[in-house]
């Protein structure tokens, strides 16, 4: 599975009161859309792990999106 990022992306996530809020600039939204498309075309069990070490802004809540 090929994961593509749009240059200049910014994505931040926070967990508040049992909810996860994902905030992103235009490039971040386009990157997430690309990732969801790749996962939709992938195999069950394919997943993308997002955390502040590889994609999210500092202080973000990490999360995983998985294809079932």
N, C-alpha and C. Protein backbone atom coordinates (compact mmCIF):
# COMPACT_ATOMS: atom_id res chain seq x y z
N UNK A 1 0.86 -1.17 0.00
CA UNK A 1 0.00 0.00 0.00
C UNK A 1 0.90 1.23 0.00
N UNK A 2 0.62 2.13 -0.91
CA UNK A 2 1.42 3.35 -1.03
C UNK A 2 0.70 4.51 -0.34
N UNK A 3 1.37 5.09 0.64
CA UNK A 3 0.81 6.21 1.38
C UNK A 3 1.47 7.50 0.87
N UNK A 4 0.65 8.42 0.40
CA UNK A 4 1.19 9.67 -0.14
C UNK A 4 0.76 10.85 0.72
N UNK A 5 1.71 11.75 0.91
CA UNK A 5 1.47 12.98 1.67
C UNK A 5 1.53 14.17 0.72
N UNK A 6 0.67 15.14 0.92
CA UNK A 6 0.70 16.39 0.17
C UNK A 6 1.65 17.33 0.91
N UNK A 7 2.61 17.90 0.17
CA UNK A 7 3.58 18.81 0.79
C UNK A 7 2.89 19.91 1.59
N UNK A 8 3.42 20.15 2.78
CA UNK A 8 2.90 21.21 3.64
C UNK A 8 1.77 20.77 4.55
N UNK A 9 1.51 19.47 4.62
CA UNK A 9 0.40 18.99 5.45
C UNK A 9 0.61 19.29 6.93
N UNK A 10 -0.47 19.57 7.61
CA UNK A 10 -0.49 19.72 9.07
C UNK A 10 -1.74 19.03 9.58
N UNK A 11 -1.55 18.12 10.53
CA UNK A 11 -2.66 17.39 11.12
C UNK A 11 -2.46 17.36 12.63
N UNK A 12 -3.49 17.69 13.36
CA UNK A 12 -3.44 17.64 14.82
C UNK A 12 -4.68 16.91 15.31
N UNK A 13 -4.50 16.08 16.33
CA UNK A 13 -5.63 15.38 16.92
C UNK A 13 -5.62 15.56 18.42
N UNK A 14 -6.81 15.66 18.97
CA UNK A 14 -6.96 15.72 20.43
C UNK A 14 -8.12 14.82 20.82
N UNK A 15 -8.03 14.28 22.02
CA UNK A 15 -9.10 13.46 22.57
C UNK A 15 -9.75 14.28 23.69
N UNK A 16 -11.04 14.56 23.52
CA UNK A 16 -11.77 15.38 24.49
C UNK A 16 -13.10 14.71 24.81
N UNK A 17 -13.32 14.41 26.07
CA UNK A 17 -14.61 13.86 26.51
C UNK A 17 -15.04 12.64 25.70
N UNK A 18 -14.08 11.76 25.41
CA UNK A 18 -14.40 10.55 24.68
C UNK A 18 -14.52 10.72 23.18
N UNK A 19 -14.23 11.91 22.68
CA UNK A 19 -14.28 12.18 21.24
C UNK A 19 -12.88 12.47 20.73
N UNK A 20 -12.62 12.10 19.49
CA UNK A 20 -11.36 12.46 18.86
C UNK A 20 -11.66 13.55 17.83
N UNK A 21 -10.94 14.66 17.94
CA UNK A 21 -11.09 15.77 17.01
C UNK A 21 -9.86 15.79 16.11
N UNK A 22 -10.07 15.71 14.80
CA UNK A 22 -8.98 15.78 13.83
C UNK A 22 -9.06 17.13 13.15
N UNK A 23 -7.99 17.91 13.25
CA UNK A 23 -7.92 19.23 12.63
C UNK A 23 -6.78 19.20 11.62
N UNK A 24 -7.01 19.74 10.44
CA UNK A 24 -5.97 19.71 9.41
C UNK A 24 -6.13 20.89 8.46
N UNK A 25 -5.01 21.30 7.88
CA UNK A 25 -5.06 22.30 6.83
C UNK A 25 -5.47 21.60 5.52
N UNK A 26 -5.57 22.33 4.45
CA UNK A 26 -6.01 21.75 3.16
C UNK A 26 -5.14 20.57 2.76
N UNK A 27 -3.83 20.75 2.86
CA UNK A 27 -2.89 19.69 2.48
C UNK A 27 -3.05 18.47 3.37
N UNK A 28 -3.34 18.70 4.65
CA UNK A 28 -3.57 17.60 5.57
C UNK A 28 -4.83 16.84 5.22
N UNK A 29 -5.90 17.57 4.88
CA UNK A 29 -7.15 16.92 4.48
C UNK A 29 -6.97 16.11 3.21
N UNK A 30 -6.25 16.66 2.23
CA UNK A 30 -5.99 15.92 1.00
C UNK A 30 -5.15 14.67 1.28
N UNK A 31 -4.18 14.79 2.17
CA UNK A 31 -3.36 13.63 2.54
C UNK A 31 -4.23 12.54 3.17
N UNK A 32 -5.10 12.92 4.11
CA UNK A 32 -5.99 11.95 4.74
C UNK A 32 -6.92 11.31 3.71
N UNK A 33 -7.41 12.09 2.77
CA UNK A 33 -8.27 11.55 1.71
C UNK A 33 -7.51 10.52 0.88
N UNK A 34 -6.25 10.81 0.57
CA UNK A 34 -5.41 9.86 -0.17
C UNK A 34 -5.24 8.57 0.63
N UNK A 35 -5.04 8.70 1.92
CA UNK A 35 -4.82 7.53 2.78
C UNK A 35 -6.08 6.67 2.85
N UNK A 36 -7.24 7.32 2.99
CA UNK A 36 -8.50 6.58 3.05
C UNK A 36 -8.76 5.84 1.73
N UNK A 37 -8.43 6.47 0.62
CA UNK A 37 -8.59 5.82 -0.68
C UNK A 37 -7.66 4.61 -0.79
N UNK A 38 -6.41 4.76 -0.34
CA UNK A 38 -5.47 3.64 -0.38
C UNK A 38 -5.96 2.49 0.50
N UNK A 39 -6.48 2.82 1.68
CA UNK A 39 -7.01 1.78 2.56
C UNK A 39 -8.23 1.11 1.95
N UNK A 40 -9.11 1.88 1.33
CA UNK A 40 -10.31 1.31 0.70
C UNK A 40 -9.93 0.32 -0.40
N UNK A 41 -8.85 0.60 -1.10
CA UNK A 41 -8.38 -0.28 -2.17
C UNK A 41 -7.51 -1.41 -1.65
N UNK A 42 -7.16 -1.37 -0.37
CA UNK A 42 -6.26 -2.36 0.21
C UNK A 42 -6.98 -3.62 0.65
N UNK A 43 -6.29 -4.37 1.47
CA UNK A 43 -6.78 -5.64 1.98
C UNK A 43 -7.24 -5.48 3.42
N UNK A 44 -8.19 -6.31 3.87
CA UNK A 44 -8.56 -6.29 5.28
C UNK A 44 -7.32 -6.46 6.16
N UNK A 45 -7.26 -5.67 7.20
CA UNK A 45 -6.09 -5.68 8.09
C UNK A 45 -5.08 -4.60 7.78
N UNK A 46 -5.11 -4.06 6.55
CA UNK A 46 -4.23 -2.93 6.25
C UNK A 46 -4.59 -1.79 7.19
N UNK A 47 -3.60 -1.04 7.62
CA UNK A 47 -3.87 0.05 8.54
C UNK A 47 -2.79 1.12 8.42
N UNK A 48 -3.11 2.29 8.93
CA UNK A 48 -2.14 3.39 9.01
C UNK A 48 -2.16 3.89 10.45
N UNK A 49 -0.97 3.97 11.02
CA UNK A 49 -0.80 4.44 12.39
C UNK A 49 -0.30 5.88 12.33
N UNK A 50 -1.04 6.78 12.93
CA UNK A 50 -0.67 8.20 12.97
C UNK A 50 -0.23 8.55 14.38
N UNK A 51 0.93 9.19 14.49
CA UNK A 51 1.40 9.70 15.78
C UNK A 51 2.30 10.89 15.53
N UNK A 52 2.74 11.53 16.59
CA UNK A 52 3.53 12.76 16.42
C UNK A 52 4.94 12.49 15.91
N UNK A 53 5.36 11.22 15.87
CA UNK A 53 6.68 10.89 15.34
C UNK A 53 6.69 10.76 13.82
N UNK A 54 5.51 10.53 13.20
CA UNK A 54 5.52 10.33 11.76
C UNK A 54 4.52 11.19 10.98
N UNK A 55 3.59 11.86 11.66
CA UNK A 55 2.61 12.59 10.86
C UNK A 55 1.92 13.73 11.59
N UNK A 56 1.70 13.59 12.87
CA UNK A 56 0.87 14.54 13.60
C UNK A 56 1.68 15.63 14.28
N UNK A 57 1.03 16.74 14.53
CA UNK A 57 1.67 17.84 15.24
C UNK A 57 1.97 17.42 16.68
N UNK A 58 2.96 18.07 17.28
CA UNK A 58 3.36 17.77 18.65
C UNK A 58 2.17 17.88 19.60
N UNK A 59 2.06 16.93 20.50
CA UNK A 59 0.99 16.92 21.49
C UNK A 59 -0.29 16.26 21.02
N UNK A 60 -0.29 15.75 19.78
CA UNK A 60 -1.48 15.11 19.23
C UNK A 60 -1.71 13.74 19.85
N UNK A 61 -2.97 13.32 19.84
CA UNK A 61 -3.36 11.97 20.26
C UNK A 61 -3.14 11.03 19.08
N UNK A 62 -2.42 9.94 19.31
CA UNK A 62 -2.20 9.01 18.21
C UNK A 62 -3.46 8.21 17.93
N UNK A 63 -3.59 7.78 16.66
CA UNK A 63 -4.74 6.97 16.27
C UNK A 63 -4.36 6.06 15.10
N UNK A 64 -5.20 5.06 14.87
CA UNK A 64 -5.00 4.09 13.79
C UNK A 64 -6.29 4.02 12.99
N UNK A 65 -6.14 3.99 11.67
CA UNK A 65 -7.27 3.71 10.79
C UNK A 65 -6.99 2.35 10.16
N UNK A 66 -7.97 1.44 10.26
CA UNK A 66 -7.78 0.07 9.79
C UNK A 66 -8.89 -0.34 8.82
N UNK A 67 -8.49 -1.04 7.78
CA UNK A 67 -9.44 -1.60 6.79
C UNK A 67 -9.98 -2.91 7.34
N UNK A 68 -11.31 -3.07 7.35
CA UNK A 68 -11.90 -4.34 7.80
C UNK A 68 -12.52 -5.07 6.62
